[in-house]
Amino acid sequence: MSAGVGVESPEVTRERVLERIRADTRFVLAAHEGPDGDALGSLVGMQGLLTALGKDSQMFIAATDFPLPYEYRFFELDGLISSPPADIARRTVVFLDCGNIDRNSASVLQQGSHLLNVDHHHDNTRFGTLDHVVPDASCTAEIVWDLMHGLGVAPTPAVAQALYVGLITDTGRFMYENTGPRAHEMAAELIAAGVDVQDVYRRLYEEMPQAKLTLLALALMRMRRYDSGELTLAALSAQDFRDAEAEDSFSEGIIDHLRAVQGTKVAVLVRELSSGERIGQHKVSLRATDDDVDVSRIAREQGGGGHRRAAGFSTTLEIEPLVEFLRHAIAAQLHATSDGPAAATLV
């Protein structure tokens, strides 16, 4: 069903997706730009599902998304393509973990015969010819796991590992509010299918390059707090990345340290982009500590999106006007009757 025509329940769209997978023979799979653990885990998981069913399937990741973050480079991506296949018009395209196709490198695949939009973002723009959006799912990997059940396909150890990575990264190692009983049921089943939990944790959260730690130190030195600490923010310049000899992806995880500061309502990490077509822009990541602020609403005001407690956007705003925008947007939700945010308090 196309966006804007009406929304079917996940139970209905699940059956329609299962029918589409059974009926079609050729697929291409894509995830959002700058793929994270859930995007990659869903991608590899869906590829494993389709391969088990004897389908002709290819995984797409744009060349601009390489190199992948170091913690995800152990994924097996055999047969990966970085440009649309010649027969794209005869393939069903499965978009995984994509909340909005218009601002995505995978948008080059919109010429597919069918567009299956499989996602768990509550603000998904429902751009597919079939939208299977399950906001209650802990991650998109959980939806892929559910589809495997619907098709009677058991995960191989490699697929189980991929789905497990998607699960633990999007639930913050089972600490975020999206962690429910089904997430733990999924984890138990995947572990039984062959996931080496200790090895996965070591790959994801240990063996940290020294440059990543250096970048974290720079970010913590630049931390500022505003409005009695409600906003905790750090900004990293392109020069910071050069000084630390850090890759762009090494900023992953820094925002969790900001979010943990006592009294914080919203944590923000701003990093200057220094390559490709986005030179001069800033990438902004937002995390809320509770449901008092919906950061996806703030992100959508700048053309981004995400979850209620985790969202992001890109902007050409310089740091000072960006901070003022964020302060006012946060205050509008926390203090709806006030005239605006209080004067900044740096601590």
C-alpha atoms as a PDB file:
ATOM      1  CA  MET A   1       0.000   0.000   0.000  1.00  0.00           C
ATOM      2  CA  SER A   2       1.416   3.366  -0.960  1.00  0.00           C
ATOM      3  CA  ALA A   3       2.162   6.059   1.563  1.00  0.00           C
ATOM      4  CA  GLY A   4      -0.804   8.215   2.443  1.00  0.00           C
ATOM      5  CA  VAL A   5      -3.478   5.749   1.250  1.00  0.00           C
ATOM      6  CA  GLY A   6      -4.128   4.335   4.712  1.00  0.00           C
ATOM      7  CA  VAL A   7      -2.290   2.164   7.196  1.00  0.00           C
ATOM      8  CA  GLU A   8      -2.830  -1.570   7.517  1.00  0.00           C
ATOM      9  CA  SER A   9      -2.048  -3.388  10.745  1.00  0.00           C
ATOM     10  CA  PRO A  10       1.303  -5.196  11.085  1.00  0.00           C
ATOM     11  CA  GLU A  11      -0.609  -8.492  11.224  1.00  0.00           C
ATOM     12  CA  VAL A  12      -2.075  -7.811   7.777  1.00  0.00           C
ATOM     13  CA  THR A  13       1.128  -6.514   6.216  1.00  0.00           C
ATOM     14  CA  ARG A  14       3.076  -9.471   7.615  1.00  0.00           C
ATOM     15  CA  GLU A  15       0.926 -11.877   5.623  1.00  0.00           C
ATOM     16  CA  ARG A  16       1.262  -9.739   2.518  1.00  0.00           C
ATOM     17  CA  VAL A  17       5.054  -9.684   2.854  1.00  0.00           C
ATOM     18  CA  LEU A  18       5.162 -13.449   3.313  1.00  0.00           C
ATOM     19  CA  GLU A  19       3.063 -13.869   0.157  1.00  0.00           C
ATOM     20  CA  ARG A  20       5.367 -11.527  -1.779  1.00  0.00           C
ATOM     21  CA  ILE A  21       8.469 -13.421  -0.685  1.00  0.00           C
ATOM     22  CA  ARG A  22       6.922 -16.759  -1.619  1.00  0.00           C
ATOM     23  CA  ALA A  23       5.791 -15.522  -5.048  1.00  0.00           C
ATOM     24  CA  ASP A  24       8.792 -13.510  -6.242  1.00  0.00           C
ATOM     25  CA  THR A  25      12.076 -14.996  -7.392  1.00  0.00           C
ATOM     26  CA  ARG A  26      14.531 -12.087  -7.683  1.00  0.00           C
ATOM     27  CA  PHE A  27      15.341  -9.587  -4.940  1.00  0.00           C
ATOM     28  CA  VAL A  28      17.746  -6.824  -4.024  1.00  0.00           C
ATOM     29  CA  LEU A  29      18.141  -5.764  -0.403  1.00  0.00           C
ATOM     30  CA  ALA A  30      19.134  -2.384   1.000  1.00  0.00           C
ATOM     31  CA  ALA A  31      19.394  -0.635   4.365  1.00  0.00           C
ATOM     32  CA  HIS A  32      19.768   2.994   5.396  1.00  0.00           C
ATOM     33  CA  GLU A  33      22.883   5.025   4.675  1.00  0.00           C
ATOM     34  CA  GLY A  34      25.633   4.787   7.250  1.00  0.00           C
ATOM     35  CA  PRO A  35      24.401   1.312   8.210  1.00  0.00           C
ATOM     36  CA  ASP A  36      24.517   0.416  11.898  1.00  0.00           C
ATOM     37  CA  GLY A  37      24.247  -2.942  13.627  1.00  0.00           C
ATOM     38  CA  ASP A  38      20.513  -3.337  13.078  1.00  0.00           C
ATOM     39  CA  ALA A  39      20.679  -2.291   9.421  1.00  0.00           C
ATOM     40  CA  LEU A  40      23.522  -4.707   8.671  1.00  0.00           C
ATOM     41  CA  GLY A  41      22.103  -7.493  10.813  1.00  0.00           C
ATOM     42  CA  SER A  42      18.736  -7.197   9.073  1.00  0.00           C
ATOM     43  CA  LEU A  43      20.397  -7.088   5.686  1.00  0.00           C
ATOM     44  CA  VAL A  44      22.430 -10.246   6.260  1.00  0.00           C
ATOM     45  CA  GLY A  45      19.500 -11.931   7.988  1.00  0.00           C
ATOM     46  CA  MET A  46      17.112 -11.290   5.094  1.00  0.00           C
ATOM     47  CA  GLN A  47      19.757 -12.433   2.610  1.00  0.00           C
ATOM     48  CA  GLY A  48      20.078 -15.675   4.558  1.00  0.00           C
ATOM     49  CA  LEU A  49      16.308 -16.103   4.592  1.00  0.00           C
ATOM     50  CA  LEU A  50      15.963 -15.632   0.829  1.00  0.00           C
ATOM     51  CA  THR A  51      18.971 -17.838   0.103  1.00  0.00           C
ATOM     52  CA  ALA A  52      17.420 -20.621   2.182  1.00  0.00           C
ATOM     53  CA  LEU A  53      14.299 -20.336   0.015  1.00  0.00           C
ATOM     54  CA  GLY A  54      16.335 -20.626  -3.188  1.00  0.00           C
ATOM     55  CA  LYS A  55      15.740 -17.023  -4.255  1.00  0.00           C
ATOM     56  CA  ASP A  56      18.083 -14.915  -6.394  1.00  0.00           C
ATOM     57  CA  SER A  57      18.998 -12.127  -3.990  1.00  0.00           C
ATOM     58  CA  GLN A  58      21.678  -9.433  -3.866  1.00  0.00           C
ATOM     59  CA  MET A  59      22.644  -7.066  -1.056  1.00  0.00           C
ATOM     60  CA  PHE A  60      23.223  -3.381  -1.849  1.00  0.00           C
ATOM     61  CA  ILE A  61      25.398  -0.949   0.113  1.00  0.00           C
ATOM     62  CA  ALA A  62      26.498   2.277  -1.591  1.00  0.00           C
ATOM     63  CA  ALA A  63      30.220   2.809  -2.088  1.00  0.00           C
ATOM     64  CA  THR A  64      29.931   6.018  -0.047  1.00  0.00           C
ATOM     65  CA  ASP A  65      29.043   3.922   3.017  1.00  0.00           C
ATOM     66  CA  PHE A  66      32.475   2.302   3.106  1.00  0.00           C
ATOM     67  CA  PRO A  67      34.512   1.689   5.086  1.00  0.00           C
ATOM     68  CA  LEU A  68      32.020   0.240   7.524  1.00  0.00           C
ATOM     69  CA  PRO A  69      32.553   0.965  11.227  1.00  0.00           C
ATOM     70  CA  TYR A  70      35.367  -1.253  12.483  1.00  0.00           C
ATOM     71  CA  GLU A  71      33.074  -3.193  14.827  1.00  0.00           C
ATOM     72  CA  TYR A  72      30.918  -4.376  11.917  1.00  0.00           C
ATOM     73  CA  ARG A  73      33.628  -5.414   9.488  1.00  0.00           C
ATOM     74  CA  PHE A  74      33.338  -9.053  10.523  1.00  0.00           C
ATOM     75  CA  PHE A  75      29.993  -9.351   8.702  1.00  0.00           C
ATOM     76  CA  GLU A  76      30.092 -11.670   5.710  1.00  0.00           C
ATOM     77  CA  LEU A  77      28.856  -9.673   2.713  1.00  0.00           C
ATOM     78  CA  ASP A  78      29.542 -12.065  -0.146  1.00  0.00           C
ATOM     79  CA  GLY A  79      28.109 -10.921  -3.458  1.00  0.00           C
ATOM     80  CA  LEU A  80      27.587  -7.361  -2.275  1.00  0.00           C
ATOM     81  CA  ILE A  81      26.784  -4.762  -4.953  1.00  0.00           C
ATOM     82  CA  SER A  82      27.229  -0.983  -4.796  1.00  0.00           C
ATOM     83  CA  SER A  83      25.222   0.034  -7.854  1.00  0.00           C
ATOM     84  CA  PRO A  84      21.737  -1.005  -8.995  1.00  0.00           C
ATOM     85  CA  PRO A  85      21.629  -4.344 -10.854  1.00  0.00           C
ATOM     86  CA  ALA A  86      20.875  -4.174 -14.570  1.00  0.00           C
ATOM     87  CA  ASP A  87      17.567  -5.981 -14.025  1.00  0.00           C
ATOM     88  CA  ILE A  88      16.399  -3.742 -11.156  1.00  0.00           C
ATOM     89  CA  ALA A  89      13.002  -3.204 -12.834  1.00  0.00           C
ATOM     90  CA  ARG A  90      12.336  -6.947 -12.549  1.00  0.00           C
ATOM     91  CA  ARG A  91      13.464  -7.324  -8.950  1.00  0.00           C
ATOM     92  CA  THR A  92      11.594  -6.846  -5.703  1.00  0.00           C
ATOM     93  CA  VAL A  93      13.507  -4.384  -3.543  1.00  0.00           C
ATOM     94  CA  VAL A  94      13.411  -4.912   0.217  1.00  0.00           C
ATOM     95  CA  PHE A  95      14.309  -1.788   2.178  1.00  0.00           C
ATOM     96  CA  LEU A  96      15.321  -2.695   5.723  1.00  0.00           C
ATOM     97  CA  ASP A  97      15.465  -0.277   8.663  1.00  0.00           C
ATOM     98  CA  CYS A  98      14.868   2.707   6.344  1.00  0.00           C
ATOM     99  CA  GLY A  99      12.606   5.310   7.907  1.00  0.00           C
ATOM    100  CA  ASN A 100      12.762   7.675   4.943  1.00  0.00           C
ATOM    101  CA  ILE A 101      13.881   6.725   1.444  1.00  0.00           C
ATOM    102  CA  ASP A 102      14.209  10.248   0.049  1.00  0.00           C
ATOM    103  CA  ARG A 103      17.334  11.123   2.049  1.00  0.00           C
ATOM    104  CA  ASN A 104      19.025   7.788   1.576  1.00  0.00           C
ATOM    105  CA  SER A 105      21.724   6.381  -0.694  1.00  0.00           C
ATOM    106  CA  ALA A 106      19.437   3.387  -1.309  1.00  0.00           C
ATOM    107  CA  SER A 107      16.937   5.645  -3.082  1.00  0.00           C
ATOM    108  CA  VAL A 108      18.643   4.667  -6.364  1.00  0.00           C
ATOM    109  CA  LEU A 109      16.763   1.358  -6.058  1.00  0.00           C
ATOM    110  CA  GLN A 110      13.274   2.855  -6.292  1.00  0.00           C
ATOM    111  CA  GLN A 111      12.823   1.448  -9.812  1.00  0.00           C
ATOM    112  CA  GLY A 112      12.227  -2.067  -8.496  1.00  0.00           C
ATOM    113  CA  SER A 113       9.085  -3.927  -9.525  1.00  0.00           C
ATOM    114  CA  HIS A 114       7.899  -3.978  -5.898  1.00  0.00           C
ATOM    115  CA  LEU A 115       9.217  -1.995  -2.925  1.00  0.00           C
ATOM    116  CA  LEU A 116       8.922  -3.800   0.409  1.00  0.00           C
ATOM    117  CA  ASN A 117       9.457  -1.401   3.301  1.00  0.00           C
ATOM    118  CA  VAL A 118      10.359  -3.450   6.397  1.00  0.00           C
ATOM    119  CA  ASP A 119      11.066  -1.279   9.421  1.00  0.00           C
ATOM    120  CA  HIS A 120      10.344  -0.500  13.075  1.00  0.00           C
ATOM    121  CA  HIS A 121      10.687   3.320  13.150  1.00  0.00           C
ATOM    122  CA  HIS A 122       7.436   4.875  14.365  1.00  0.00           C
ATOM    123  CA  ASP A 123       7.903   7.870  12.034  1.00  0.00           C
ATOM    124  CA  ASN A 124       8.484   5.754   8.917  1.00  0.00           C
ATOM    125  CA  THR A 125       7.197   7.662   5.863  1.00  0.00           C
ATOM    126  CA  ARG A 126       5.658   4.484   4.375  1.00  0.00           C
ATOM    127  CA  PHE A 127       7.232   4.881   0.966  1.00  0.00           C
ATOM    128  CA  GLY A 128       6.872   1.292  -0.231  1.00  0.00           C
ATOM    129  CA  THR A 129       4.369  -0.402  -2.453  1.00  0.00           C
ATOM    130  CA  LEU A 130       4.020  -2.579   0.659  1.00  0.00           C
ATOM    131  CA  ASP A 131       4.866  -1.189   4.089  1.00  0.00           C
ATOM    132  CA  HIS A 132       5.490  -3.638   6.903  1.00  0.00           C
ATOM    133  CA  VAL A 133       6.227  -1.238   9.742  1.00  0.00           C
ATOM    134  CA  VAL A 134       6.138  -2.651  13.279  1.00  0.00           C
ATOM    135  CA  PRO A 135       6.855   0.147  15.795  1.00  0.00           C
ATOM    136  CA  ASP A 136       6.515  -2.266  18.723  1.00  0.00           C
ATOM    137  CA  ALA A 137       9.435  -4.382  17.477  1.00  0.00           C
ATOM    138  CA  SER A 138      12.700  -3.865  19.345  1.00  0.00           C
ATOM    139  CA  CYS A 139      14.615  -3.687  16.065  1.00  0.00           C
ATOM    140  CA  THR A 140      14.216  -4.458  12.384  1.00  0.00           C
ATOM    141  CA  ALA A 141      16.202  -7.651  12.945  1.00  0.00           C
ATOM    142  CA  GLU A 142      13.318  -8.827  15.131  1.00  0.00           C
ATOM    143  CA  ILE A 143      10.920  -8.360  12.206  1.00  0.00           C
ATOM    144  CA  VAL A 144      13.205 -10.389   9.926  1.00  0.00           C
ATOM    145  CA  TRP A 145      13.373 -13.085  12.599  1.00  0.00           C
ATOM    146  CA  ASP A 146       9.572 -13.105  12.749  1.00  0.00           C
ATOM    147  CA  LEU A 147       9.346 -13.453   8.953  1.00  0.00           C
ATOM    148  CA  MET A 148      11.696 -16.429   9.147  1.00  0.00           C
ATOM    149  CA  HIS A 149       9.234 -18.056  11.524  1.00  0.00           C
ATOM    150  CA  GLY A 150       6.400 -17.319   9.116  1.00  0.00           C
ATOM    151  CA  LEU A 151       8.277 -19.027   6.291  1.00  0.00           C
ATOM    152  CA  GLY A 152       9.541 -21.976   8.319  1.00  0.00           C
ATOM    153  CA  VAL A 153      13.221 -21.082   7.869  1.00  0.00           C
ATOM    154  CA  ALA A 154      15.681 -21.785  10.686  1.00  0.00           C
ATOM    155  CA  PRO A 155      18.678 -19.424  10.950  1.00  0.00           C
ATOM    156  CA  THR A 156      22.158 -20.682  10.205  1.00  0.00           C
ATOM    157  CA  PRO A 157      24.792 -19.759  12.809  1.00  0.00           C
ATOM    158  CA  ALA A 158      25.931 -16.865  10.575  1.00  0.00           C
ATOM    159  CA  VAL A 159      22.402 -15.535  10.161  1.00  0.00           C
ATOM    160  CA  ALA A 160      21.697 -15.974  13.869  1.00  0.00           C
ATOM    161  CA  GLN A 161      24.812 -13.952  14.666  1.00  0.00           C
ATOM    162  CA  ALA A 162      23.776 -11.162  12.285  1.00  0.00           C
ATOM    163  CA  LEU A 163      20.289 -10.926  13.781  1.00  0.00           C
ATOM    164  CA  TYR A 164      21.749 -11.005  17.297  1.00  0.00           C
ATOM    165  CA  VAL A 165      24.000  -8.051  16.450  1.00  0.00           C
ATOM    166  CA  GLY A 166      20.948  -6.135  15.247  1.00  0.00           C
ATOM    167  CA  LEU A 167      19.118  -6.990  18.449  1.00  0.00           C
ATOM    168  CA  ILE A 168      21.761  -6.074  21.003  1.00  0.00           C
ATOM    169  CA  THR A 169      22.870  -2.871  19.280  1.00  0.00           C
ATOM    170  CA  ASP A 170      19.363  -1.453  18.868  1.00  0.00           C
ATOM    171  CA  THR A 171      18.335  -2.367  22.413  1.00  0.00           C
ATOM    172  CA  GLY A 172      21.562  -1.046  23.930  1.00  0.00           C
ATOM    173  CA  ARG A 173      22.485  -4.521  25.138  1.00  0.00           C
ATOM    174  CA  PHE A 174      18.907  -4.969  26.422  1.00  0.00           C
ATOM    175  CA  MET A 175      18.946  -1.727  28.430  1.00  0.00           C
ATOM    176  CA  TYR A 176      16.742   0.557  26.287  1.00  0.00           C
ATOM    177  CA  GLU A 177      12.998   1.002  26.697  1.00  0.00           C
ATOM    178  CA  ASN A 178      12.315  -0.969  23.500  1.00  0.00           C
ATOM    179  CA  THR A 179      13.490  -4.162  25.221  1.00  0.00           C
ATOM    180  CA  GLY A 180      10.541  -6.429  25.935  1.00  0.00           C
ATOM    181  CA  PRO A 181       9.948 -10.132  26.567  1.00  0.00           C
ATOM    182  CA  ARG A 182      10.028 -10.900  22.839  1.00  0.00           C
ATOM    183  CA  ALA A 183      13.538  -9.466  22.527  1.00  0.00           C
ATOM    184  CA  HIS A 184      14.772 -11.913  25.147  1.00  0.00           C
ATOM    185  CA  GLU A 185      12.897 -14.784  23.511  1.00  0.00           C
ATOM    186  CA  MET A 186      14.589 -13.919  20.248  1.00  0.00           C
ATOM    187  CA  ALA A 187      17.997 -13.766  21.933  1.00  0.00           C
ATOM    188  CA  ALA A 188      17.513 -17.171  23.533  1.00  0.00           C
ATOM    189  CA  GLU A 189      16.535 -18.732  20.227  1.00  0.00           C
ATOM    190  CA  LEU A 190      19.474 -17.194  18.371  1.00  0.00           C
ATOM    191  CA  ILE A 191      21.927 -18.324  21.020  1.00  0.00           C
ATOM    192  CA  ALA A 192      20.526 -21.844  20.704  1.00  0.00           C
ATOM    193  CA  ALA A 193      21.088 -21.545  16.936  1.00  0.00           C
ATOM    194  CA  GLY A 194      24.804 -21.040  17.423  1.00  0.00           C
ATOM    195  CA  VAL A 195      25.578 -17.452  18.477  1.00  0.00           C
ATOM    196  CA  ASP A 196      28.813 -17.166  20.433  1.00  0.00           C
ATOM    197  CA  VAL A 197      27.762 -14.381  22.804  1.00  0.00           C
ATOM    198  CA  GLN A 198      31.236 -13.709  24.191  1.00  0.00           C
ATOM    199  CA  ASP A 199      32.731 -13.442  20.701  1.00  0.00           C
ATOM    200  CA  VAL A 200      30.021 -11.030  19.518  1.00  0.00           C
ATOM    201  CA  TYR A 201      30.460  -8.779  22.548  1.00  0.00           C
ATOM    202  CA  ARG A 202      34.237  -8.800  22.082  1.00  0.00           C
ATOM    203  CA  ARG A 203      33.920  -7.767  18.433  1.00  0.00           C
ATOM    204  CA  LEU A 204      31.387  -5.031  19.130  1.00  0.00           C
ATOM    205  CA  TYR A 205      32.534  -3.525  22.403  1.00  0.00           C
ATOM    206  CA  GLU A 206      36.180  -4.437  22.915  1.00  0.00           C
ATOM    207  CA  GLU A 207      39.329  -4.294  20.753  1.00  0.00           C
ATOM    208  CA  MET A 208      38.794  -0.526  20.503  1.00  0.00           C
ATOM    209  CA  PRO A 209      41.277   1.347  18.293  1.00  0.00           C
ATOM    210  CA  GLN A 210      43.280   3.872  20.306  1.00  0.00           C
ATOM    211  CA  ALA A 211      42.099   6.640  17.969  1.00  0.00           C
ATOM    212  CA  LYS A 212      38.499   6.006  19.050  1.00  0.00           C
ATOM    213  CA  LEU A 213      39.441   6.505  22.688  1.00  0.00           C
ATOM    214  CA  THR A 214      41.335   9.682  21.783  1.00  0.00           C
ATOM    215  CA  LEU A 215      38.253  11.014  19.994  1.00  0.00           C
ATOM    216  CA  LEU A 216      36.101  10.213  23.030  1.00  0.00           C
ATOM    217  CA  ALA A 217      38.508  12.179  25.225  1.00  0.00           C
ATOM    218  CA  LEU A 218      38.247  15.187  22.900  1.00  0.00           C
ATOM    219  CA  ALA A 219      34.439  14.985  22.935  1.00  0.00           C
ATOM    220  CA  LEU A 220      34.291  14.853  26.740  1.00  0.00           C
ATOM    221  CA  MET A 221      36.627  17.852  26.956  1.00  0.00           C
ATOM    222  CA  ARG A 222      34.202  19.788  24.735  1.00  0.00           C
ATOM    223  CA  MET A 223      31.061  18.807  26.644  1.00  0.00           C
ATOM    224  CA  ARG A 224      28.759  21.694  27.526  1.00  0.00           C
ATOM    225  CA  ARG A 225      25.498  21.730  29.478  1.00  0.00           C
ATOM    226  CA  TYR A 226      22.598  24.107  29.013  1.00  0.00           C
ATOM    227  CA  ASP A 227      19.402  24.968  30.875  1.00  0.00           C
ATOM    228  CA  SER A 228      20.318  23.451  34.225  1.00  0.00           C
ATOM    229  CA  GLY A 229      21.802  20.449  32.468  1.00  0.00           C
ATOM    230  CA  GLU A 230      18.675  19.466  30.530  1.00  0.00           C
ATOM    231  CA  LEU A 231      20.742  19.601  27.326  1.00  0.00           C
ATOM    232  CA  THR A 232      24.169  17.965  27.370  1.00  0.00           C
ATOM    233  CA  LEU A 233      26.051  18.572  24.131  1.00  0.00           C
ATOM    234  CA  ALA A 234      29.464  17.961  22.614  1.00  0.00           C
ATOM    235  CA  ALA A 235      30.658  19.071  19.186  1.00  0.00           C
ATOM    236  CA  LEU A 236      33.511  17.527  17.218  1.00  0.00           C
ATOM    237  CA  SER A 237      35.139  19.389  14.343  1.00  0.00           C
ATOM    238  CA  ALA A 238      36.739  17.858  11.275  1.00  0.00           C
ATOM    239  CA  GLN A 239      40.069  18.910  12.790  1.00  0.00           C
ATOM    240  CA  ASP A 240      39.311  16.859  15.912  1.00  0.00           C
ATOM    241  CA  PHE A 241      39.003  13.749  13.761  1.00  0.00           C
ATOM    242  CA  ARG A 242      42.307  14.559  12.051  1.00  0.00           C
ATOM    243  CA  ASP A 243      44.052  15.221  15.371  1.00  0.00           C
ATOM    244  CA  ALA A 244      42.819  11.912  16.758  1.00  0.00           C
ATOM    245  CA  GLU A 245      43.577  10.116  13.464  1.00  0.00           C
ATOM    246  CA  ALA A 246      40.030   8.796  13.780  1.00  0.00           C
ATOM    247  CA  GLU A 247      37.630   7.519  11.147  1.00  0.00           C
ATOM    248  CA  ASP A 248      34.172   9.093  10.930  1.00  0.00           C
ATOM    249  CA  SER A 249      32.589   6.002  12.459  1.00  0.00           C
ATOM    250  CA  PHE A 250      34.739   6.287  15.610  1.00  0.00           C
ATOM    251  CA  SER A 251      32.231   8.782  17.015  1.00  0.00           C
ATOM    252  CA  GLU A 252      29.765   5.920  17.466  1.00  0.00           C
ATOM    253  CA  GLY A 253      28.954   5.444  21.151  1.00  0.00           C
ATOM    254  CA  ILE A 254      30.183   8.832  22.372  1.00  0.00           C
ATOM    255  CA  ILE A 255      26.628  10.066  22.829  1.00  0.00           C
ATOM    256  CA  ASP A 256      25.926   7.302  25.350  1.00  0.00           C
ATOM    257  CA  HIS A 257      28.466   8.922  27.700  1.00  0.00           C
ATOM    258  CA  LEU A 258      26.696  12.276  27.342  1.00  0.00           C
ATOM    259  CA  ARG A 259      23.305  10.679  27.926  1.00  0.00           C
ATOM    260  CA  ALA A 260      24.523   9.150  31.184  1.00  0.00           C
ATOM    261  CA  VAL A 261      25.326  12.503  32.815  1.00  0.00           C
ATOM    262  CA  GLN A 262      23.081  13.158  35.814  1.00  0.00           C
ATOM    263  CA  GLY A 263      20.201  15.533  35.127  1.00  0.00           C
ATOM    264  CA  THR A 264      20.374  15.236  31.343  1.00  0.00           C
ATOM    265  CA  LYS A 265      17.095  15.158  29.450  1.00  0.00           C
ATOM    266  CA  VAL A 266      18.573  15.236  25.934  1.00  0.00           C
ATOM    267  CA  ALA A 267      22.124  14.371  24.896  1.00  0.00           C
ATOM    268  CA  VAL A 268      23.430  15.668  21.580  1.00  0.00           C
ATOM    269  CA  LEU A 269      26.577  14.901  19.629  1.00  0.00           C
ATOM    270  CA  VAL A 270      27.374  17.222  16.737  1.00  0.00           C
ATOM    271  CA  ARG A 271      30.100  16.312  14.298  1.00  0.00           C
ATOM    272  CA  GLU A 272      31.340  18.244  11.317  1.00  0.00           C
ATOM    273  CA  LEU A 273      31.336  16.329   8.033  1.00  0.00           C
ATOM    274  CA  SER A 274      34.527  16.711   6.028  1.00  0.00           C
ATOM    275  CA  SER A 275      34.186  14.523   2.956  1.00  0.00           C
ATOM    276  CA  GLY A 276      31.941  13.967  -0.057  1.00  0.00           C
ATOM    277  CA  GLU A 277      29.046  16.203  -0.965  1.00  0.00           C
ATOM    278  CA  ARG A 278      28.319  17.142   2.655  1.00  0.00           C
ATOM    279  CA  ILE A 279      31.449  19.145   3.431  1.00  0.00           C
ATOM    280  CA  GLY A 280      30.465  21.975   5.744  1.00  0.00           C
ATOM    281  CA  GLN A 281      27.414  20.213   7.141  1.00  0.00           C
ATOM    282  CA  HIS A 282      26.979  18.848  10.632  1.00  0.00           C
ATOM    283  CA  LYS A 283      25.562  15.473  11.564  1.00  0.00           C
ATOM    284  CA  VAL A 284      23.497  15.714  14.738  1.00  0.00           C
ATOM    285  CA  SER A 285      22.644  12.718  16.932  1.00  0.00           C
ATOM    286  CA  LEU A 286      20.051  13.045  19.691  1.00  0.00           C
ATOM    287  CA  ARG A 287      19.225  10.793  22.633  1.00  0.00           C
ATOM    288  CA  ALA A 288      16.517  11.319  25.251  1.00  0.00           C
ATOM    289  CA  THR A 289      16.815   9.824  28.697  1.00  0.00           C
ATOM    290  CA  ASP A 290      13.052   9.345  29.132  1.00  0.00           C
ATOM    291  CA  ASP A 291       9.743  10.041  27.399  1.00  0.00           C
ATOM    292  CA  ASP A 292       9.540  13.682  28.495  1.00  0.00           C
ATOM    293  CA  VAL A 293      11.129  14.733  25.196  1.00  0.00           C
ATOM    294  CA  ASP A 294      10.436  13.086  21.835  1.00  0.00           C
ATOM    295  CA  VAL A 295      13.693  13.717  19.961  1.00  0.00           C
ATOM    296  CA  SER A 296      12.245  12.364  16.712  1.00  0.00           C
ATOM    297  CA  ARG A 297       9.977  15.441  16.647  1.00  0.00           C
ATOM    298  CA  ILE A 298      13.034  17.670  16.927  1.00  0.00           C
ATOM    299  CA  ALA A 299      14.853  15.771  14.186  1.00  0.00           C
ATOM    300  CA  ARG A 300      11.892  15.973  11.820  1.00  0.00           C
ATOM    301  CA  GLU A 301      11.958  19.770  12.079  1.00  0.00           C
ATOM    302  CA  GLN A 302      15.360  19.591  10.379  1.00  0.00           C
ATOM    303  CA  GLY A 303      14.449  16.931   7.826  1.00  0.00           C
ATOM    304  CA  GLY A 304      15.649  13.961   9.859  1.00  0.00           C
ATOM    305  CA  GLY A 305      13.865  11.374  11.979  1.00  0.00           C
ATOM    306  CA  GLY A 306      14.225   8.321  14.160  1.00  0.00           C
ATOM    307  CA  HIS A 307      12.758   7.012  17.388  1.00  0.00           C
ATOM    308  CA  ARG A 308      11.216   8.829  20.331  1.00  0.00           C
ATOM    309  CA  ARG A 309      14.428   8.455  22.343  1.00  0.00           C
ATOM    310  CA  ALA A 310      16.996   8.206  19.530  1.00  0.00           C
ATOM    311  CA  ALA A 311      17.026  10.312  16.381  1.00  0.00           C
ATOM    312  CA  GLY A 312      19.226  12.421  14.154  1.00  0.00           C
ATOM    313  CA  PHE A 313      19.535  14.848  11.270  1.00  0.00           C
ATOM    314  CA  SER A 314      22.049  16.701   9.098  1.00  0.00           C
ATOM    315  CA  THR A 315      22.184  20.480   8.938  1.00  0.00           C
ATOM    316  CA  THR A 316      24.122  23.430   7.544  1.00  0.00           C
ATOM    317  CA  LEU A 317      23.512  25.421  10.740  1.00  0.00           C
ATOM    318  CA  GLU A 318      26.613  26.582  12.552  1.00  0.00           C
ATOM    319  CA  ILE A 319      27.066  25.530  16.173  1.00  0.00           C
ATOM    320  CA  GLU A 320      25.632  28.601  17.917  1.00  0.00           C
ATOM    321  CA  PRO A 321      22.327  28.774  15.992  1.00  0.00           C
ATOM    322  CA  LEU A 322      22.091  24.987  16.158  1.00  0.00           C
ATOM    323  CA  VAL A 323      22.393  25.063  19.948  1.00  0.00           C
ATOM    324  CA  GLU A 324      19.709  27.746  20.158  1.00  0.00           C
ATOM    325  CA  PHE A 325      17.392  25.698  17.948  1.00  0.00           C
ATOM    326  CA  LEU A 326      17.923  22.636  20.147  1.00  0.00           C
ATOM    327  CA  ARG A 327      17.358  24.550  23.383  1.00  0.00           C
ATOM    328  CA  HIS A 328      14.105  26.046  22.166  1.00  0.00           C
ATOM    329  CA  ALA A 329      12.891  22.728  20.715  1.00  0.00           C
ATOM    330  CA  ILE A 330      13.588  20.913  23.987  1.00  0.00           C
ATOM    331  CA  ALA A 331      11.995  23.664  26.076  1.00  0.00           C
ATOM    332  CA  ALA A 332       8.898  23.608  23.877  1.00  0.00           C
ATOM    333  CA  GLN A 333       8.292  20.034  25.017  1.00  0.00           C
ATOM    334  CA  LEU A 334       9.503  20.273  28.612  1.00  0.00           C
ATOM    335  CA  HIS A 335       8.111  23.680  29.461  1.00  0.00           C
ATOM    336  CA  ALA A 336       5.163  24.214  27.150  1.00  0.00           C
ATOM    337  CA  THR A 337       3.865  27.220  29.083  1.00  0.00           C
ATOM    338  CA  SER A 338       7.201  29.013  29.371  1.00  0.00           C
ATOM    339  CA  ASP A 339       8.416  31.793  27.108  1.00  0.00           C
ATOM    340  CA  GLY A 340      11.448  29.771  26.121  1.00  0.00           C
ATOM    341  CA  PRO A 341      14.495  28.127  27.639  1.00  0.00           C
ATOM    342  CA  ALA A 342      16.233  29.601  30.611  1.00  0.00           C
ATOM    343  CA  ALA A 343      19.631  31.175  30.214  1.00  0.00           C
ATOM    344  CA  ALA A 344      22.347  28.659  29.406  1.00  0.00           C
ATOM    345  CA  THR A 345      24.157  27.167  32.341  1.00  0.00           C
ATOM    346  CA  LEU A 346      27.584  25.726  31.549  1.00  0.00           C
ATOM    347  CA  VAL A 347      28.860  23.107  33.939  1.00  0.00           C
END
